[in-house]
Amino acid sequence: MEYKNVVNAIFIERPNRFIAICDINGKVVKAHVRNTGRCRELLIKGVRVYLEVSDTEKKRKTDYTLIAVEKGDRLVNIDSMAPNKVLLETLRNGNLLLFNIEKPLLIKPEKQFQESRFDFYLETDTKKAFIEVKGVTLEENNIALFPDAPTQRGVKHIIELEKAAKEGYEAYIVFIVQMKGVTSFSPNIKTHPQFGDELKKAFGSGVHVLCFDCYVGKDYISLGKSIPVVI
């Protein structure tokens, strides 16, 4: 996916989870943060960030949206909407070898199953599948970690995926690492032990746990390669 009209800025502060105060060549502006995670290791005063200028035809409280952050020599996309979009592009292109399923006859976003709404529902000639997507922006020592804050919603999704697998559906949880250069993915048990426990249990109960990195530029993000999952 691509972004339009992206500008460089310097991050100043994040007064709340929805707003970032940034400096564009001496002009202080407000930018919408499309990510409710903590991002404390990314949004540090003085780091370079990239903002997309808002469409003037749409009514917005801010004129900019925070897209990406420089972390050393690595560029990290923090747009929480991006993982679903890049995976949908992949699904529609029929690139499903990594999922070990045929090209889908049906791709339905936001499909309800019992107590949860999963990101995607697929149907092929022989299979029906649910996919839940989690964007990953936390990295430590080249290891991608999720979550960066406790997530009971994430735990609920894993439990519901287990139920789907038991009922004969193909069930996937896909972690999209919004950067390049990581060597593996693991659940962040230090931050949320229950999430790690449930993920390990689901993995042993037939839920497919996949992870991909991304190619990231200041005005684009696309799905990269498969990354090893260490649970």
C-alpha atoms as a PDB file:
ATOM      1  CA  MET A   1       0.000   0.000   0.000  1.00  0.00           C
ATOM      2  CA  GLU A   2       1.105   3.558  -0.668  1.00  0.00           C
ATOM      3  CA  TYR A   3       0.648   6.866   1.112  1.00  0.00           C
ATOM      4  CA  LYS A   4       0.194  10.188  -0.620  1.00  0.00           C
ATOM      5  CA  ASN A   5       1.862  13.504   0.130  1.00  0.00           C
ATOM      6  CA  VAL A   6       4.221  12.418   2.927  1.00  0.00           C
ATOM      7  CA  VAL A   7       6.402  14.972   4.738  1.00  0.00           C
ATOM      8  CA  ASN A   8       9.335  14.687   7.159  1.00  0.00           C
ATOM      9  CA  ALA A   9       8.976  15.970  10.722  1.00  0.00           C
ATOM     10  CA  ILE A  10      10.537  15.783  14.167  1.00  0.00           C
ATOM     11  CA  PHE A  11       8.526  14.224  16.992  1.00  0.00           C
ATOM     12  CA  ILE A  12       8.046  16.423  20.066  1.00  0.00           C
ATOM     13  CA  GLU A  13       5.500  14.721  22.317  1.00  0.00           C
ATOM     14  CA  ARG A  14       2.383  12.559  22.500  1.00  0.00           C
ATOM     15  CA  PRO A  15      -0.066  14.284  24.861  1.00  0.00           C
ATOM     16  CA  ASN A  16      -2.562  11.439  24.458  1.00  0.00           C
ATOM     17  CA  ARG A  17      -2.741   8.189  22.523  1.00  0.00           C
ATOM     18  CA  PHE A  18      -4.460   9.804  19.533  1.00  0.00           C
ATOM     19  CA  ILE A  19      -2.280  12.900  19.016  1.00  0.00           C
ATOM     20  CA  ALA A  20       1.395  13.545  18.291  1.00  0.00           C
ATOM     21  CA  ILE A  21       2.927  17.004  18.378  1.00  0.00           C
ATOM     22  CA  CYS A  22       5.548  17.344  15.647  1.00  0.00           C
ATOM     23  CA  ASP A  23       7.814  19.969  14.113  1.00  0.00           C
ATOM     24  CA  ILE A  24       7.845  20.466  10.328  1.00  0.00           C
ATOM     25  CA  ASN A  25      10.690  22.853   9.511  1.00  0.00           C
ATOM     26  CA  GLY A  26       9.949  24.999  12.548  1.00  0.00           C
ATOM     27  CA  LYS A  27       6.161  24.752  12.306  1.00  0.00           C
ATOM     28  CA  VAL A  28       4.542  22.900  15.218  1.00  0.00           C
ATOM     29  CA  VAL A  29       1.624  20.705  14.080  1.00  0.00           C
ATOM     30  CA  LYS A  30      -0.729  18.081  15.454  1.00  0.00           C
ATOM     31  CA  ALA A  31      -0.849  14.655  13.817  1.00  0.00           C
ATOM     32  CA  HIS A  32      -3.309  11.822  14.327  1.00  0.00           C
ATOM     33  CA  VAL A  33      -1.683   8.676  15.740  1.00  0.00           C
ATOM     34  CA  ARG A  34      -3.343   5.687  14.112  1.00  0.00           C
ATOM     35  CA  ASN A  35      -2.012   3.320  16.769  1.00  0.00           C
ATOM     36  CA  THR A  36      -3.280   2.909  20.334  1.00  0.00           C
ATOM     37  CA  GLY A  37      -0.222   0.924  21.468  1.00  0.00           C
ATOM     38  CA  ARG A  38       2.330   2.457  23.800  1.00  0.00           C
ATOM     39  CA  CYS A  39       5.135   2.801  21.203  1.00  0.00           C
ATOM     40  CA  ARG A  40       7.345   4.202  23.972  1.00  0.00           C
ATOM     41  CA  GLU A  41      10.527   2.847  22.430  1.00  0.00           C
ATOM     42  CA  LEU A  42       9.645   4.582  19.143  1.00  0.00           C
ATOM     43  CA  LEU A  43       8.034   7.911  19.959  1.00  0.00           C
ATOM     44  CA  ILE A  44      10.984   9.589  21.652  1.00  0.00           C
ATOM     45  CA  LYS A  45      11.447  13.328  21.559  1.00  0.00           C
ATOM     46  CA  GLY A  46      13.695  14.344  18.677  1.00  0.00           C
ATOM     47  CA  VAL A  47      13.244  11.282  16.443  1.00  0.00           C
ATOM     48  CA  ARG A  48      12.411  11.749  12.773  1.00  0.00           C
ATOM     49  CA  VAL A  49       8.890  10.792  11.790  1.00  0.00           C
ATOM     50  CA  TYR A  50       6.881  10.781   8.574  1.00  0.00           C
ATOM     51  CA  LEU A  51       3.441  12.346   8.293  1.00  0.00           C
ATOM     52  CA  GLU A  52       0.809  11.953   5.598  1.00  0.00           C
ATOM     53  CA  VAL A  53      -0.979  15.187   4.776  1.00  0.00           C
ATOM     54  CA  SER A  54      -4.716  14.708   5.254  1.00  0.00           C
ATOM     55  CA  ASP A  55      -7.120  14.838   2.337  1.00  0.00           C
ATOM     56  CA  THR A  56      -8.595  18.338   2.449  1.00  0.00           C
ATOM     57  CA  GLU A  57     -11.928  17.014   1.205  1.00  0.00           C
ATOM     58  CA  LYS A  58     -12.360  14.921   4.353  1.00  0.00           C
ATOM     59  CA  LYS A  59     -13.251  16.600   7.619  1.00  0.00           C
ATOM     60  CA  ARG A  60     -10.454  15.931  10.081  1.00  0.00           C
ATOM     61  CA  LYS A  61      -9.454  17.373  13.431  1.00  0.00           C
ATOM     62  CA  THR A  62      -5.801  17.228  12.362  1.00  0.00           C
ATOM     63  CA  ASP A  63      -4.090  18.000   9.069  1.00  0.00           C
ATOM     64  CA  TYR A  64      -1.637  15.095   9.339  1.00  0.00           C
ATOM     65  CA  THR A  65      -1.433  11.393  10.180  1.00  0.00           C
ATOM     66  CA  LEU A  66       1.689   9.841  11.709  1.00  0.00           C
ATOM     67  CA  ILE A  67       2.804   7.004   9.417  1.00  0.00           C
ATOM     68  CA  ALA A  68       6.332   5.928  10.287  1.00  0.00           C
ATOM     69  CA  VAL A  69       9.175   6.480  12.752  1.00  0.00           C
ATOM     70  CA  GLU A  70      12.934   6.154  12.403  1.00  0.00           C
ATOM     71  CA  LYS A  71      14.474   3.844  14.999  1.00  0.00           C
ATOM     72  CA  GLY A  72      18.219   4.001  14.434  1.00  0.00           C
ATOM     73  CA  ASP A  73      18.769   2.833  10.868  1.00  0.00           C
ATOM     74  CA  ARG A  74      15.406   1.051  10.790  1.00  0.00           C
ATOM     75  CA  LEU A  75      12.148   2.565   9.575  1.00  0.00           C
ATOM     76  CA  VAL A  76       9.060   1.369  11.465  1.00  0.00           C
ATOM     77  CA  ASN A  77       5.531   1.828  10.145  1.00  0.00           C
ATOM     78  CA  ILE A  78       3.119   2.425  13.054  1.00  0.00           C
ATOM     79  CA  ASP A  79      -0.134   2.701  11.103  1.00  0.00           C
ATOM     80  CA  SER A  80      -2.388   0.111  12.767  1.00  0.00           C
ATOM     81  CA  MET A  81      -4.546  -0.084   9.627  1.00  0.00           C
ATOM     82  CA  ALA A  82      -1.616  -1.095   7.418  1.00  0.00           C
ATOM     83  CA  PRO A  83      -1.241  -4.802   8.395  1.00  0.00           C
ATOM     84  CA  ASN A  84      -4.782  -5.691   7.322  1.00  0.00           C
ATOM     85  CA  LYS A  85      -4.417  -3.739   4.104  1.00  0.00           C
ATOM     86  CA  VAL A  86      -1.127  -5.339   3.052  1.00  0.00           C
ATOM     87  CA  LEU A  87      -2.419  -8.817   3.875  1.00  0.00           C
ATOM     88  CA  LEU A  88      -5.619  -8.165   1.928  1.00  0.00           C
ATOM     89  CA  GLU A  89      -3.508  -7.138  -1.063  1.00  0.00           C
ATOM     90  CA  THR A  90      -1.671 -10.458  -0.778  1.00  0.00           C
ATOM     91  CA  LEU A  91      -4.888 -12.466  -0.485  1.00  0.00           C
ATOM     92  CA  ARG A  92      -6.463 -10.750  -3.486  1.00  0.00           C
ATOM     93  CA  ASN A  93      -3.329 -11.379  -5.539  1.00  0.00           C
ATOM     94  CA  GLY A  94      -3.724 -15.081  -4.840  1.00  0.00           C
ATOM     95  CA  ASN A  95      -0.359 -15.376  -3.082  1.00  0.00           C
ATOM     96  CA  LEU A  96      -1.470 -18.014  -0.605  1.00  0.00           C
ATOM     97  CA  LEU A  97       1.308 -20.597  -0.792  1.00  0.00           C
ATOM     98  CA  LEU A  98       2.498 -19.546   2.648  1.00  0.00           C
ATOM     99  CA  PHE A  99      -0.975 -20.311   3.982  1.00  0.00           C
ATOM    100  CA  ASN A 100      -1.010 -23.702   2.262  1.00  0.00           C
ATOM    101  CA  ILE A 101      -4.492 -23.096   0.849  1.00  0.00           C
ATOM    102  CA  GLU A 102      -5.827 -22.643  -2.654  1.00  0.00           C
ATOM    103  CA  LYS A 103      -6.791 -19.336  -4.189  1.00  0.00           C
ATOM    104  CA  PRO A 104      -9.962 -18.263  -2.361  1.00  0.00           C
ATOM    105  CA  LEU A 105     -13.331 -18.077  -4.042  1.00  0.00           C
ATOM    106  CA  LEU A 106     -14.463 -15.730  -1.273  1.00  0.00           C
ATOM    107  CA  ILE A 107     -12.597 -13.165   0.851  1.00  0.00           C
ATOM    108  CA  LYS A 108     -14.765 -11.507   3.470  1.00  0.00           C
ATOM    109  CA  PRO A 109     -13.273  -8.957   5.896  1.00  0.00           C
ATOM    110  CA  GLU A 110     -14.654  -8.624   9.425  1.00  0.00           C
ATOM    111  CA  LYS A 111     -16.463 -11.950   9.770  1.00  0.00           C
ATOM    112  CA  GLN A 112     -18.251 -12.872  12.996  1.00  0.00           C
ATOM    113  CA  PHE A 113     -17.580 -16.232  14.674  1.00  0.00           C
ATOM    114  CA  GLN A 114     -19.264 -16.871  18.014  1.00  0.00           C
ATOM    115  CA  GLU A 115     -18.016 -14.140  20.387  1.00  0.00           C
ATOM    116  CA  SER A 116     -15.366 -12.626  18.113  1.00  0.00           C
ATOM    117  CA  ARG A 117     -15.101 -10.804  14.817  1.00  0.00           C
ATOM    118  CA  PHE A 118     -12.072 -11.992  12.866  1.00  0.00           C
ATOM    119  CA  ASP A 119     -10.237  -9.873  10.313  1.00  0.00           C
ATOM    120  CA  PHE A 120     -10.797 -12.227   7.360  1.00  0.00           C
ATOM    121  CA  TYR A 121     -12.885 -15.221   6.363  1.00  0.00           C
ATOM    122  CA  LEU A 122     -11.859 -17.267   3.307  1.00  0.00           C
ATOM    123  CA  GLU A 123     -13.523 -19.993   1.320  1.00  0.00           C
ATOM    124  CA  THR A 124     -11.825 -22.198  -1.265  1.00  0.00           C
ATOM    125  CA  ASP A 125     -13.045 -25.287  -3.107  1.00  0.00           C
ATOM    126  CA  THR A 126     -12.145 -27.453  -0.125  1.00  0.00           C
ATOM    127  CA  LYS A 127     -11.580 -25.249   2.925  1.00  0.00           C
ATOM    128  CA  LYS A 128     -13.028 -22.512   5.069  1.00  0.00           C
ATOM    129  CA  ALA A 129     -10.629 -20.359   7.047  1.00  0.00           C
ATOM    130  CA  PHE A 130     -10.537 -17.563   9.596  1.00  0.00           C
ATOM    131  CA  ILE A 131      -7.560 -15.195   9.816  1.00  0.00           C
ATOM    132  CA  GLU A 132      -6.810 -12.778  12.633  1.00  0.00           C
ATOM    133  CA  VAL A 133      -4.097 -10.174  11.985  1.00  0.00           C
ATOM    134  CA  LYS A 134      -1.894  -8.485  14.584  1.00  0.00           C
ATOM    135  CA  GLY A 135       0.421  -5.614  13.704  1.00  0.00           C
ATOM    136  CA  VAL A 136       3.808  -5.657  15.423  1.00  0.00           C
ATOM    137  CA  THR A 137       5.903  -2.533  16.040  1.00  0.00           C
ATOM    138  CA  LEU A 138       7.912  -3.650  19.089  1.00  0.00           C
ATOM    139  CA  GLU A 139      11.430  -4.945  18.483  1.00  0.00           C
ATOM    140  CA  GLU A 140      14.169  -5.837  20.975  1.00  0.00           C
ATOM    141  CA  ASN A 141      17.581  -7.166  19.881  1.00  0.00           C
ATOM    142  CA  ASN A 142      16.168  -7.880  16.399  1.00  0.00           C
ATOM    143  CA  ILE A 143      13.341  -9.992  17.866  1.00  0.00           C
ATOM    144  CA  ALA A 144       9.794  -8.861  17.107  1.00  0.00           C
ATOM    145  CA  LEU A 145       7.447  -8.989  20.096  1.00  0.00           C
ATOM    146  CA  PHE A 146       3.685  -8.738  20.599  1.00  0.00           C
ATOM    147  CA  PRO A 147       1.911  -7.227  22.442  1.00  0.00           C
ATOM    148  CA  ASP A 148       3.544  -4.016  23.683  1.00  0.00           C
ATOM    149  CA  ALA A 149       0.751  -3.680  26.274  1.00  0.00           C
ATOM    150  CA  PRO A 150      -1.625  -6.223  27.862  1.00  0.00           C
ATOM    151  CA  THR A 151      -4.433  -7.168  25.476  1.00  0.00           C
ATOM    152  CA  GLN A 152      -7.406  -9.153  26.722  1.00  0.00           C
ATOM    153  CA  ARG A 153      -8.964  -8.672  23.301  1.00  0.00           C
ATOM    154  CA  GLY A 154      -5.979 -10.478  21.794  1.00  0.00           C
ATOM    155  CA  VAL A 155      -6.353 -13.342  24.268  1.00  0.00           C
ATOM    156  CA  LYS A 156     -10.042 -13.619  23.379  1.00  0.00           C
ATOM    157  CA  HIS A 157      -9.205 -13.825  19.675  1.00  0.00           C
ATOM    158  CA  ILE A 158      -6.779 -16.695  20.282  1.00  0.00           C
ATOM    159  CA  ILE A 159      -9.344 -18.657  22.315  1.00  0.00           C
ATOM    160  CA  GLU A 160     -11.978 -18.147  19.615  1.00  0.00           C
ATOM    161  CA  LEU A 161      -9.527 -19.294  16.920  1.00  0.00           C
ATOM    162  CA  GLU A 162      -9.023 -22.498  18.907  1.00  0.00           C
ATOM    163  CA  LYS A 163     -12.786 -23.045  18.879  1.00  0.00           C
ATOM    164  CA  ALA A 164     -12.892 -22.467  15.120  1.00  0.00           C
ATOM    165  CA  ALA A 165     -10.109 -25.005  14.563  1.00  0.00           C
ATOM    166  CA  LYS A 166     -11.984 -27.581  16.646  1.00  0.00           C
ATOM    167  CA  GLU A 167     -15.054 -27.041  14.465  1.00  0.00           C
ATOM    168  CA  GLY A 168     -13.092 -27.847  11.315  1.00  0.00           C
ATOM    169  CA  TYR A 169     -12.100 -24.403  10.088  1.00  0.00           C
ATOM    170  CA  GLU A 170      -8.560 -23.530   9.124  1.00  0.00           C
ATOM    171  CA  ALA A 171      -7.563 -20.986  11.767  1.00  0.00           C
ATOM    172  CA  TYR A 172      -4.678 -18.530  11.438  1.00  0.00           C
ATOM    173  CA  ILE A 173      -3.217 -15.805  13.581  1.00  0.00           C
ATOM    174  CA  VAL A 174      -0.857 -13.738  11.460  1.00  0.00           C
ATOM    175  CA  PHE A 175       1.642 -11.314  12.979  1.00  0.00           C
ATOM    176  CA  ILE A 176       2.680  -8.577  10.560  1.00  0.00           C
ATOM    177  CA  VAL A 177       5.966  -6.995  11.656  1.00  0.00           C
ATOM    178  CA  GLN A 178       5.884  -3.436  10.342  1.00  0.00           C
ATOM    179  CA  MET A 179       9.621  -3.223   9.658  1.00  0.00           C
ATOM    180  CA  LYS A 180      12.553  -5.102   8.140  1.00  0.00           C
ATOM    181  CA  GLY A 181      15.557  -6.636   9.833  1.00  0.00           C
ATOM    182  CA  VAL A 182      14.032  -8.816  12.556  1.00  0.00           C
ATOM    183  CA  THR A 183      15.253 -12.390  12.897  1.00  0.00           C
ATOM    184  CA  SER A 184      12.284 -13.997  14.670  1.00  0.00           C
ATOM    185  CA  PHE A 185       8.985 -13.368  16.429  1.00  0.00           C
ATOM    186  CA  SER A 186       7.940 -14.292  19.975  1.00  0.00           C
ATOM    187  CA  PRO A 187       4.995 -13.458  22.230  1.00  0.00           C
ATOM    188  CA  ASN A 188       5.891 -10.761  24.735  1.00  0.00           C
ATOM    189  CA  ILE A 189       5.445 -12.840  27.885  1.00  0.00           C
ATOM    190  CA  LYS A 190       7.149 -10.205  30.005  1.00  0.00           C
ATOM    191  CA  THR A 191       4.346  -7.754  29.239  1.00  0.00           C
ATOM    192  CA  HIS A 192       1.426 -10.197  29.008  1.00  0.00           C
ATOM    193  CA  PRO A 193       2.138 -13.789  30.167  1.00  0.00           C
ATOM    194  CA  GLN A 194      -1.436 -14.938  29.504  1.00  0.00           C
ATOM    195  CA  PHE A 195      -1.180 -13.984  25.838  1.00  0.00           C
ATOM    196  CA  GLY A 196       1.952 -16.118  25.505  1.00  0.00           C
ATOM    197  CA  ASP A 197       0.335 -19.050  27.305  1.00  0.00           C
ATOM    198  CA  GLU A 198      -2.786 -18.928  25.133  1.00  0.00           C
ATOM    199  CA  LEU A 199      -0.746 -18.621  21.935  1.00  0.00           C
ATOM    200  CA  LYS A 200       1.307 -21.680  22.872  1.00  0.00           C
ATOM    201  CA  LYS A 201      -1.858 -23.607  23.693  1.00  0.00           C
ATOM    202  CA  ALA A 202      -3.508 -22.589  20.420  1.00  0.00           C
ATOM    203  CA  PHE A 203      -0.427 -23.589  18.431  1.00  0.00           C
ATOM    204  CA  GLY A 204      -0.727 -27.074  19.907  1.00  0.00           C
ATOM    205  CA  SER A 205      -4.449 -27.165  19.158  1.00  0.00           C
ATOM    206  CA  GLY A 206      -4.287 -26.689  15.413  1.00  0.00           C
ATOM    207  CA  VAL A 207      -4.142 -22.900  15.082  1.00  0.00           C
ATOM    208  CA  HIS A 208      -1.559 -21.802  12.521  1.00  0.00           C
ATOM    209  CA  VAL A 209       0.760 -19.110  13.873  1.00  0.00           C
ATOM    210  CA  LEU A 210       2.487 -17.174  11.087  1.00  0.00           C
ATOM    211  CA  CYS A 211       4.681 -14.096  10.970  1.00  0.00           C
ATOM    212  CA  PHE A 212       5.861 -11.874   8.106  1.00  0.00           C
ATOM    213  CA  ASP A 213       8.054  -8.815   8.022  1.00  0.00           C
ATOM    214  CA  CYS A 214       7.429  -5.848   5.736  1.00  0.00           C
ATOM    215  CA  TYR A 215       9.241  -3.660   3.263  1.00  0.00           C
ATOM    216  CA  VAL A 216       8.785  -0.156   4.657  1.00  0.00           C
ATOM    217  CA  GLY A 217       9.451   3.235   3.110  1.00  0.00           C
ATOM    218  CA  LYS A 218       8.336   6.672   4.151  1.00  0.00           C
ATOM    219  CA  ASP A 219       5.388   6.455   1.740  1.00  0.00           C
ATOM    220  CA  TYR A 220       4.743   2.705   1.353  1.00  0.00           C
ATOM    221  CA  ILE A 221       4.545  -0.654   3.118  1.00  0.00           C
ATOM    222  CA  SER A 222       4.277  -4.105   1.558  1.00  0.00           C
ATOM    223  CA  LEU A 223       4.401  -7.678   2.809  1.00  0.00           C
ATOM    224  CA  GLY A 224       7.893  -9.133   3.038  1.00  0.00           C
ATOM    225  CA  LYS A 225       9.095 -12.619   3.899  1.00  0.00           C
ATOM    226  CA  SER A 226       8.121 -15.270   6.429  1.00  0.00           C
ATOM    227  CA  ILE A 227       9.798 -14.876   9.828  1.00  0.00           C
ATOM    228  CA  PRO A 228      10.436 -17.771  12.265  1.00  0.00           C
ATOM    229  CA  VAL A 229       7.984 -17.959  15.174  1.00  0.00           C
ATOM    230  CA  VAL A 230       9.494 -18.948  18.529  1.00  0.00           C
ATOM    231  CA  ILE A 231       6.860 -19.690  21.168  1.00  0.00           C
END
